[in-house]
């Protein structure tokens, strides 16, 4: 088992309040404090926070002291660290107070804080065959500031959210995130990360005026002010970009083992780890796509560069369906010959559900589109009309059978 899978397994066991051995706690502490797992930890935190918003409090439980004693065991045993440890809500402890605080020491001296500022109305919990609790995704994300603190963007009020050096982080009246620089150049480059959970999307305007739409279960790491010869960001998941032209300062997107160089253009990158390839699709302008193996291609509008997982050989497709590519940005679920696994990965990310296959994976393909705001039952019923696939819903799990 690799470290990524081990972190997922121990994290789930810890949150489920299952009994863990001293060795497992030690392993979890080491993995959480390893900066190589920061992106994975950010996504785990975003998913956990998303769950706390969806699951209503069932009882007023004060497990603070007991939890702090356990969580303290995950902290580095160094006398120099004076971090106050507050609780992560485990899945069987849902607090009724409005300002629930989430703090993680993910690195020595680093404090990660998330604050819920509002209460939520109870929602009907889904039951077997009655998935009324499964809702389409909405605009929601976490913003990780340079000091490691987190802001829930869906909960934050409009206006200035934070000061990052000489740059103000602002939530606009339309709900988007923007960066406003005072004009002075920061002596130190500060970085922010926006993280979307499953069932969440968000859009922002970068400090240079470029616009980004981030799809569900993704993250974007970027400076709060572009000061160098290039404008560089790092992406996980999927995003659509509209880049502000600036020939003197090329825009670059780093994603896994691919680098996209841009002058001024509109393009989409899909780089989910559970997809078979990284795909860069150009809608307007020009981009140069490079792999770590040295393969380089310049795309023209309507072309797509695909880099299969584990490969350094780029594949170029011409005259791709760009409408399908950015359908997610326009609140559409669009299937253009999608097979069952591809369609279900899309549904899982947008509706925040798990997918389980029982029996052979159905050999069905789907064409058509439906609103991204449609109930999940409507989407699945549409897919079942092929007669080759059937779905059973149990809680937040979709069971797929032939």
Protein backbone atom coordinates (compact mmCIF):
# COMPACT_ATOMS: atom_id res chain seq x y z
CA UNK A 1 0.00 0.00 0.00
CA UNK A 2 1.42 3.39 -0.97
CA UNK A 3 1.48 6.36 1.41
CA UNK A 4 -1.46 8.07 -0.30
CA UNK A 5 -3.71 5.05 0.21
CA UNK A 6 -2.40 4.59 3.75
CA UNK A 7 -3.22 8.20 4.65
CA UNK A 8 -6.76 7.77 3.29
CA UNK A 9 -7.24 4.54 5.23
CA UNK A 10 -5.92 5.86 8.55
CA UNK A 11 -7.79 9.16 8.15
CA UNK A 12 -11.09 7.33 7.61
CA UNK A 13 -10.42 5.05 10.56
CA UNK A 14 -9.58 8.02 12.77
CA UNK A 15 -12.69 10.00 11.82
CA UNK A 16 -14.90 6.93 12.23
CA UNK A 17 -13.70 6.77 15.85
CA UNK A 18 -12.41 3.26 15.36
CA UNK A 19 -9.83 1.99 17.82
CA UNK A 20 -6.33 2.66 16.51
CA UNK A 21 -3.08 1.15 17.69
CA UNK A 22 -0.20 3.31 18.88
CA UNK A 23 1.63 2.37 15.69
CA UNK A 24 -1.26 3.52 13.49
CA UNK A 25 -1.50 6.83 15.35
CA UNK A 26 2.24 7.30 14.87
CA UNK A 27 1.89 6.55 11.15
CA UNK A 28 -1.01 8.98 10.78
CA UNK A 29 0.88 11.71 12.59
CA UNK A 30 3.91 11.26 10.33
CA UNK A 31 1.78 11.29 7.16
CA UNK A 32 -0.18 14.39 8.22
CA UNK A 33 3.03 16.27 8.99
CA UNK A 34 4.70 15.30 5.69
CA UNK A 35 4.44 18.29 3.33
CA UNK A 36 4.45 15.91 0.34
CA UNK A 37 0.86 15.03 1.27
CA UNK A 38 -0.34 18.63 1.61
CA UNK A 39 -2.62 18.59 -1.45
CA UNK A 40 -4.19 15.32 -0.33
CA UNK A 41 -4.66 16.66 3.20
CA UNK A 42 -6.27 19.84 1.86
CA UNK A 43 -8.78 17.75 -0.10
CA UNK A 44 -9.50 15.54 2.93
CA UNK A 45 -10.19 18.66 4.98
CA UNK A 46 -12.46 20.10 2.29
CA UNK A 47 -14.39 16.83 2.12
CA UNK A 48 -14.74 16.67 5.90
CA UNK A 49 -16.01 20.23 6.07
CA UNK A 50 -18.48 19.53 3.28
CA UNK A 51 -19.83 16.60 5.30
CA UNK A 52 -20.28 18.73 8.42
CA UNK A 53 -22.48 21.07 6.37
CA UNK A 54 -24.64 18.23 5.02
CA UNK A 55 -25.13 16.14 8.15
CA UNK A 56 -27.40 17.74 10.76
CA UNK A 57 -26.51 17.65 14.45
CA UNK A 58 -28.27 14.73 16.10
CA UNK A 59 -27.28 15.36 19.70
CA UNK A 60 -25.42 17.94 21.70
CA UNK A 61 -22.22 16.08 22.37
CA UNK A 62 -19.20 17.57 24.06
CA UNK A 63 -16.29 15.30 23.21
CA UNK A 64 -13.74 18.10 23.33
CA UNK A 65 -11.60 16.83 26.19
CA UNK A 66 -11.55 13.23 25.00
CA UNK A 67 -10.81 14.24 21.45
CA UNK A 68 -8.04 16.66 22.38
CA UNK A 69 -6.31 13.90 24.31
CA UNK A 70 -6.34 11.65 21.24
CA UNK A 71 -5.52 14.34 18.69
CA UNK A 72 -2.64 15.60 20.83
CA UNK A 73 -1.00 12.25 20.16
CA UNK A 74 -0.83 13.20 16.47
CA UNK A 75 1.22 16.31 17.19
CA UNK A 76 5.00 16.43 17.04
CA UNK A 77 6.47 15.69 20.46
CA UNK A 78 8.60 18.83 20.61
CA UNK A 79 8.58 21.10 23.67
CA UNK A 80 9.17 24.14 21.45
CA UNK A 81 5.75 23.86 19.85
CA UNK A 82 3.05 25.72 21.75
CA UNK A 83 0.08 25.14 19.49
CA UNK A 84 -3.30 24.83 21.17
CA UNK A 85 -5.03 21.77 19.78
CA UNK A 86 -8.77 22.06 19.18
CA UNK A 87 -11.02 19.29 17.90
CA UNK A 88 -11.75 17.98 14.46
CA UNK A 89 -15.41 16.89 14.46
CA UNK A 90 -15.46 13.13 14.03
CA UNK A 91 -18.33 11.76 12.03
CA UNK A 92 -20.25 10.71 15.12
CA UNK A 93 -19.75 14.05 16.90
CA UNK A 94 -21.72 16.91 15.33
CA UNK A 95 -21.77 20.08 17.40
CA UNK A 96 -24.80 22.37 17.64
CA UNK A 97 -22.85 25.53 18.26
CA UNK A 98 -22.55 27.83 15.25
CA UNK A 99 -18.85 28.65 15.30
CA UNK A 100 -17.35 25.19 14.98
CA UNK A 101 -13.57 25.44 14.62
CA UNK A 102 -11.33 22.98 12.84
CA UNK A 103 -7.63 23.06 13.58
CA UNK A 104 -4.92 20.75 12.33
CA UNK A 105 -1.19 20.86 12.98
CA UNK A 106 -0.12 19.54 9.59
CA UNK A 107 3.48 20.65 9.99
CA UNK A 108 5.61 21.70 12.91
CA UNK A 109 4.45 25.17 13.90
CA UNK A 110 1.72 25.29 11.23
CA UNK A 111 -1.88 25.88 12.30
CA UNK A 112 -4.78 25.15 9.98
CA UNK A 113 -8.03 26.80 10.98
CA UNK A 114 -11.50 26.60 9.53
CA UNK A 115 -14.42 28.55 10.93
CA UNK A 116 -18.11 28.00 10.28
CA UNK A 117 -19.86 31.32 10.66
CA UNK A 118 -23.49 30.29 10.26
CA UNK A 119 -25.83 27.53 11.30
CA UNK A 120 -27.52 25.27 8.77
CA UNK A 121 -31.05 24.03 8.53
CA UNK A 122 -31.57 20.32 8.92
CA UNK A 123 -31.90 18.36 5.68
CA UNK A 124 -33.78 15.13 5.14
CA UNK A 125 -31.38 12.23 5.23
CA UNK A 126 -31.50 9.85 2.27
CA UNK A 127 -32.73 6.31 2.85
CA UNK A 128 -32.43 3.23 0.67
CA UNK A 129 -34.33 3.76 -2.58
CA UNK A 130 -35.27 7.32 -1.48
CA UNK A 131 -32.27 9.55 -2.25
CA UNK A 132 -33.94 12.89 -1.49
CA UNK A 133 -30.92 13.98 0.55
CA UNK A 134 -28.52 13.84 -2.43
CA UNK A 135 -28.36 17.33 -3.88
CA UNK A 136 -26.50 18.72 -6.90
CA UNK A 137 -23.29 20.59 -6.27
CA UNK A 138 -23.16 24.30 -5.49
CA UNK A 139 -20.62 27.11 -5.32
CA UNK A 140 -18.46 26.24 -2.33
CA UNK A 141 -14.77 26.07 -1.59
CA UNK A 142 -12.14 26.58 1.06
CA UNK A 143 -9.48 29.26 0.72
CA UNK A 144 -6.15 28.44 2.34
CA UNK A 145 -4.20 31.60 3.17
CA UNK A 146 -0.43 32.00 3.31
CA UNK A 147 -0.37 31.44 7.08
CA UNK A 148 -2.17 28.10 6.72
CA UNK A 149 -5.57 29.30 7.94
CA UNK A 150 -8.74 28.38 6.06
CA UNK A 151 -11.78 30.45 5.08
CA UNK A 152 -15.06 28.87 3.98
CA UNK A 153 -15.89 30.91 0.87
CA UNK A 154 -19.50 29.77 0.70
CA UNK A 155 -20.05 31.03 4.25
CA UNK A 156 -18.00 34.22 4.11
CA UNK A 157 -19.76 37.56 3.74
CA UNK A 158 -19.04 39.78 0.73
CA UNK A 159 -16.16 42.22 1.17
CA UNK A 160 -12.54 41.97 2.27
CA UNK A 161 -11.71 38.52 3.64
CA UNK A 162 -8.00 38.87 4.35
CA UNK A 163 -4.88 40.95 3.80
CA UNK A 164 -2.04 39.08 2.10
CA UNK A 165 0.99 41.35 2.05
CA UNK A 166 -0.04 44.36 -0.04
CA UNK A 167 -2.94 42.46 -1.59
CA UNK A 168 -6.52 42.35 -0.35
CA UNK A 169 -8.52 39.15 -0.80
CA UNK A 170 -12.10 40.16 -1.61
CA UNK A 171 -15.35 38.29 -2.09
CA UNK A 172 -17.35 40.20 -4.71
CA UNK A 173 -21.10 40.77 -4.80
CA UNK A 174 -21.42 38.03 -7.46
CA UNK A 175 -19.83 35.54 -5.05
CA UNK A 176 -16.52 35.31 -6.89
CA UNK A 177 -13.10 35.70 -5.30
CA UNK A 178 -10.77 38.50 -6.40
CA UNK A 179 -7.37 39.98 -5.49
CA UNK A 180 -6.79 43.72 -5.28
CA UNK A 181 -3.21 44.97 -5.04
CA UNK A 182 -2.35 48.28 -3.38
CA UNK A 183 0.33 48.94 -5.99
CA UNK A 184 3.44 48.30 -3.90
CA UNK A 185 5.50 45.18 -4.61
CA UNK A 186 5.66 42.64 -1.82
CA UNK A 187 9.16 41.73 -0.69
CA UNK A 188 8.04 38.14 -0.11
CA UNK A 189 5.83 36.12 -2.44
CA UNK A 190 2.78 34.76 -0.61
CA UNK A 191 0.68 31.87 -1.89
CA UNK A 192 -2.99 30.96 -1.53
CA UNK A 193 -4.79 27.73 -2.42
CA UNK A 194 -8.46 27.43 -3.31
CA UNK A 195 -9.88 23.93 -2.72
CA UNK A 196 -13.23 22.60 -3.89
CA UNK A 197 -14.74 19.48 -2.30
CA UNK A 198 -16.89 16.95 -4.11
CA UNK A 199 -20.13 18.71 -4.90
CA UNK A 200 -18.47 22.11 -5.03
CA UNK A 201 -17.25 24.58 -7.65
CA UNK A 202 -15.90 28.10 -7.46
CA UNK A 203 -14.61 30.89 -9.67
CA UNK A 204 -12.00 33.54 -9.03
CA UNK A 205 -10.08 36.35 -10.64
CA UNK A 206 -6.33 36.09 -10.19
CA UNK A 207 -4.14 39.12 -9.36
CA UNK A 208 -3.36 39.68 -13.08
CA UNK A 209 -7.04 39.74 -14.07
CA UNK A 210 -7.11 36.17 -15.40
CA UNK A 211 -10.30 34.27 -14.60
CA UNK A 212 -10.48 30.67 -13.40
CA UNK A 213 -13.45 28.34 -12.91
CA UNK A 214 -12.47 25.42 -10.65
CA UNK A 215 -14.52 22.22 -10.92
CA UNK A 216 -15.42 19.86 -8.07
CA UNK A 217 -12.70 18.04 -6.12
CA UNK A 218 -9.86 20.25 -7.29
CA UNK A 219 -7.36 22.83 -6.09
CA UNK A 220 -5.44 25.79 -7.47
CA UNK A 221 -2.21 27.05 -5.88
CA UNK A 222 -1.15 30.57 -6.90
CA UNK A 223 0.69 33.69 -5.67
CA UNK A 224 -1.29 36.62 -4.28
CA UNK A 225 0.73 38.86 -6.62
CA UNK A 226 2.58 37.92 -9.83
CA UNK A 227 6.05 39.46 -9.49
CA UNK A 228 8.38 37.30 -11.62
CA UNK A 229 8.97 36.88 -15.34
CA UNK A 230 6.21 34.27 -15.55
CA UNK A 231 2.74 33.90 -14.02
CA UNK A 232 2.67 30.38 -12.63
CA UNK A 233 -0.11 28.39 -10.93
CA UNK A 234 -0.46 24.71 -9.99
CA UNK A 235 -3.68 22.77 -10.63
CA UNK A 236 -5.19 19.53 -9.41
CA UNK A 237 -8.57 18.38 -10.71
CA UNK A 238 -10.18 20.41 -13.49
CA UNK A 239 -10.37 24.11 -14.34
CA UNK A 240 -11.32 26.42 -17.19
CA UNK A 241 -9.05 29.44 -17.74
CA UNK A 242 -9.51 32.80 -19.44
CA UNK A 243 -6.05 34.34 -19.35
CA UNK A 244 -5.37 38.07 -19.38
CA UNK A 245 -2.95 38.81 -22.26
CA UNK A 246 0.60 39.76 -21.23
CA UNK A 247 3.22 38.66 -23.74
CA UNK A 248 6.05 39.84 -21.48
CA UNK A 249 4.89 37.55 -18.67
CA UNK A 250 3.74 34.17 -20.03
CA UNK A 251 1.13 32.32 -17.99
CA UNK A 252 2.02 28.77 -16.93
CA UNK A 253 -0.09 25.99 -15.44
CA UNK A 254 1.70 23.09 -13.77
CA UNK A 255 -0.29 19.89 -13.42
CA UNK A 256 1.29 16.56 -12.50
CA UNK A 257 3.85 15.84 -15.24
CA UNK A 258 2.49 18.39 -17.73
CA UNK A 259 3.30 22.09 -18.18
CA UNK A 260 1.01 24.41 -20.16
CA UNK A 261 2.54 27.69 -21.41
CA UNK A 262 0.08 30.44 -22.33
CA UNK A 263 0.22 33.95 -23.79
CA UNK A 264 -3.47 34.89 -23.73
CA UNK A 265 -6.19 32.36 -24.35
CA UNK A 266 -9.15 30.26 -23.22
CA UNK A 267 -8.58 26.61 -22.38
CA UNK A 268 -9.64 23.76 -20.11
CA UNK A 269 -7.43 21.34 -18.20
CA UNK A 270 -8.73 18.10 -16.71
CA UNK A 271 -6.22 16.35 -14.46
CA UNK A 272 -8.12 14.19 -12.00
CA UNK A 273 -6.01 11.37 -10.61
CA UNK A 274 -8.80 8.84 -11.23
CA UNK A 275 -9.02 9.70 -14.95
CA UNK A 276 -6.91 7.80 -17.50
CA UNK A 277 -5.19 10.92 -18.89
CA UNK A 278 -4.48 14.60 -18.35
CA UNK A 279 -6.32 16.59 -21.03
CA UNK A 280 -5.69 20.15 -22.16
CA UNK A 281 -8.31 21.47 -24.60
CA UNK A 282 -7.86 24.81 -26.37
CA UNK A 283 -10.89 26.95 -27.16
CA UNK A 284 -9.22 30.21 -28.19
CA UNK A 285 -5.68 31.51 -28.68
CA UNK A 286 -2.59 29.35 -28.44
CA UNK A 287 -0.91 27.20 -25.81
CA UNK A 288 2.22 25.10 -25.76
CA UNK A 289 1.91 21.84 -23.84
CA UNK A 290 4.98 19.98 -22.56
CA UNK A 291 5.50 16.73 -20.68
CA UNK A 292 8.33 16.00 -18.26
CA UNK A 293 9.62 13.51 -20.83
CA UNK A 294 10.33 16.31 -23.30
CA UNK A 295 7.31 15.95 -25.57
CA UNK A 296 6.10 19.42 -26.66
CA UNK A 297 3.16 20.48 -28.83
CA UNK A 298 1.60 23.81 -29.73
CA UNK A 299 -2.19 23.62 -29.89
CA UNK A 300 -4.60 25.51 -32.10
CA UNK A 301 -8.28 26.11 -31.19
CA UNK A 302 -10.29 22.89 -31.23
CA UNK A 303 -7.30 20.67 -30.44
CA UNK A 304 -6.75 18.59 -27.33
CA UNK A 305 -3.50 17.25 -25.88
CA UNK A 306 -3.85 14.07 -23.84
CA UNK A 307 -1.11 12.64 -21.66
CA UNK A 308 -2.03 9.12 -20.48
CA UNK A 309 -1.25 8.25 -16.88
CA UNK A 310 2.26 6.85 -16.57
CA UNK A 311 3.26 7.98 -20.06
CA UNK A 312 5.36 10.85 -21.43
CA UNK A 313 4.00 10.54 -24.97
CA UNK A 314 1.44 13.21 -25.83
CA UNK A 315 -1.57 12.40 -28.01
CA UNK A 316 -3.18 15.18 -30.08
CA UNK A 317 -6.85 15.16 -31.09
CA UNK A 318 -8.28 17.53 -33.70
CA UNK A 319 -11.76 19.08 -33.88
CA UNK A 320 -12.80 18.00 -30.40
CA UNK A 321 -16.22 18.88 -28.99
CA UNK A 322 -15.36 21.96 -26.94
CA UNK A 323 -19.00 22.29 -25.85
CA UNK A 324 -18.69 18.94 -24.09
CA UNK A 325 -15.37 19.98 -22.58
CA UNK A 326 -16.72 23.03 -20.76
CA UNK A 327 -20.30 21.82 -20.17
CA UNK A 328 -19.51 21.53 -16.45
CA UNK A 329 -18.67 25.26 -16.34
CA UNK A 330 -22.12 26.01 -17.76
CA UNK A 331 -23.94 23.84 -15.20
CA UNK A 332 -24.53 20.99 -17.64
CA UNK A 333 -23.87 17.27 -17.43
CA UNK A 334 -23.08 16.39 -21.03
CA UNK A 335 -22.42 12.84 -22.21
CA UNK A 336 -20.92 12.38 -25.67
CA UNK A 337 -20.56 8.64 -25.97
CA UNK A 338 -19.37 8.34 -22.35
CA UNK A 339 -19.03 4.81 -20.99
CA UNK A 340 -20.41 3.89 -17.56
CA UNK A 341 -17.20 4.43 -15.50
CA UNK A 342 -16.56 7.84 -17.12
CA UNK A 343 -20.13 9.00 -16.54
CA UNK A 344 -20.17 7.74 -12.95
CA UNK A 345 -16.90 9.49 -12.08
CA UNK A 346 -18.47 12.75 -13.24
CA UNK A 347 -21.63 12.11 -11.24
CA UNK A 348 -19.67 11.11 -8.13
CA UNK A 349 -17.73 14.38 -8.14
CA UNK A 350 -20.73 16.62 -8.73
CA UNK A 351 -23.25 14.93 -6.42
CA UNK A 352 -20.68 13.93 -3.77
CA UNK A 353 -21.55 10.24 -3.80
CA UNK A 354 -19.68 6.95 -3.76
CA UNK A 355 -20.04 4.46 -6.60
CA UNK A 356 -19.95 0.70 -6.16
CA UNK A 357 -20.07 -1.83 -9.01
CA UNK A 358 -21.70 -5.20 -8.39
CA UNK A 359 -21.23 -7.78 -11.08
CA UNK A 360 -19.75 -6.91 -14.46
CA UNK A 361 -19.40 -3.25 -15.37
CA UNK A 362 -22.28 -2.58 -17.79
CA UNK A 363 -21.26 -2.07 -21.41
CA UNK A 364 -23.42 1.00 -21.99
CA UNK A 365 -22.62 4.38 -23.54
CA UNK A 366 -24.52 7.62 -23.10
CA UNK A 367 -25.24 10.62 -25.31
CA UNK A 368 -27.23 13.62 -24.21
CA UNK A 369 -27.21 16.43 -21.69
CA UNK A 370 -29.10 17.41 -18.57
CA UNK A 371 -28.96 20.36 -16.22
CA UNK A 372 -26.35 20.12 -13.49
CA UNK A 373 -29.08 21.28 -11.10
CA UNK A 374 -31.26 18.23 -11.82
CA UNK A 375 -31.94 15.76 -8.99
CA UNK A 376 -29.67 12.75 -9.13
CA UNK A 377 -32.69 10.47 -9.60
CA UNK A 378 -33.51 12.27 -12.84
CA UNK A 379 -29.95 11.80 -14.11
CA UNK A 380 -29.85 8.11 -13.22
CA UNK A 381 -33.30 7.46 -14.65
CA UNK A 382 -32.16 8.99 -17.93
CA UNK A 383 -29.16 6.66 -17.98
CA UNK A 384 -31.27 3.61 -17.11
CA UNK A 385 -33.33 4.11 -20.26
CA UNK A 386 -30.58 2.29 -22.16
CA UNK A 387 -31.79 -0.90 -20.47
CA UNK A 388 -28.16 -1.96 -20.00
CA UNK A 389 -27.48 -0.43 -16.60
CA UNK A 390 -29.40 -0.20 -13.32
CA UNK A 391 -28.85 1.85 -10.19
CA UNK A 392 -29.73 1.37 -6.54
CA UNK A 393 -29.21 4.22 -4.09
CA UNK A 394 -28.27 3.47 -0.50
CA UNK A 395 -27.52 6.59 1.52
CA UNK A 396 -24.84 8.39 -0.47
CA UNK A 397 -23.77 5.29 -2.35
CA UNK A 398 -24.82 4.50 -5.93
CA UNK A 399 -24.77 0.76 -6.62
CA UNK A 400 -24.32 -0.04 -10.32
CA UNK A 401 -25.45 -3.36 -11.78
CA UNK A 402 -25.98 -4.68 -15.34
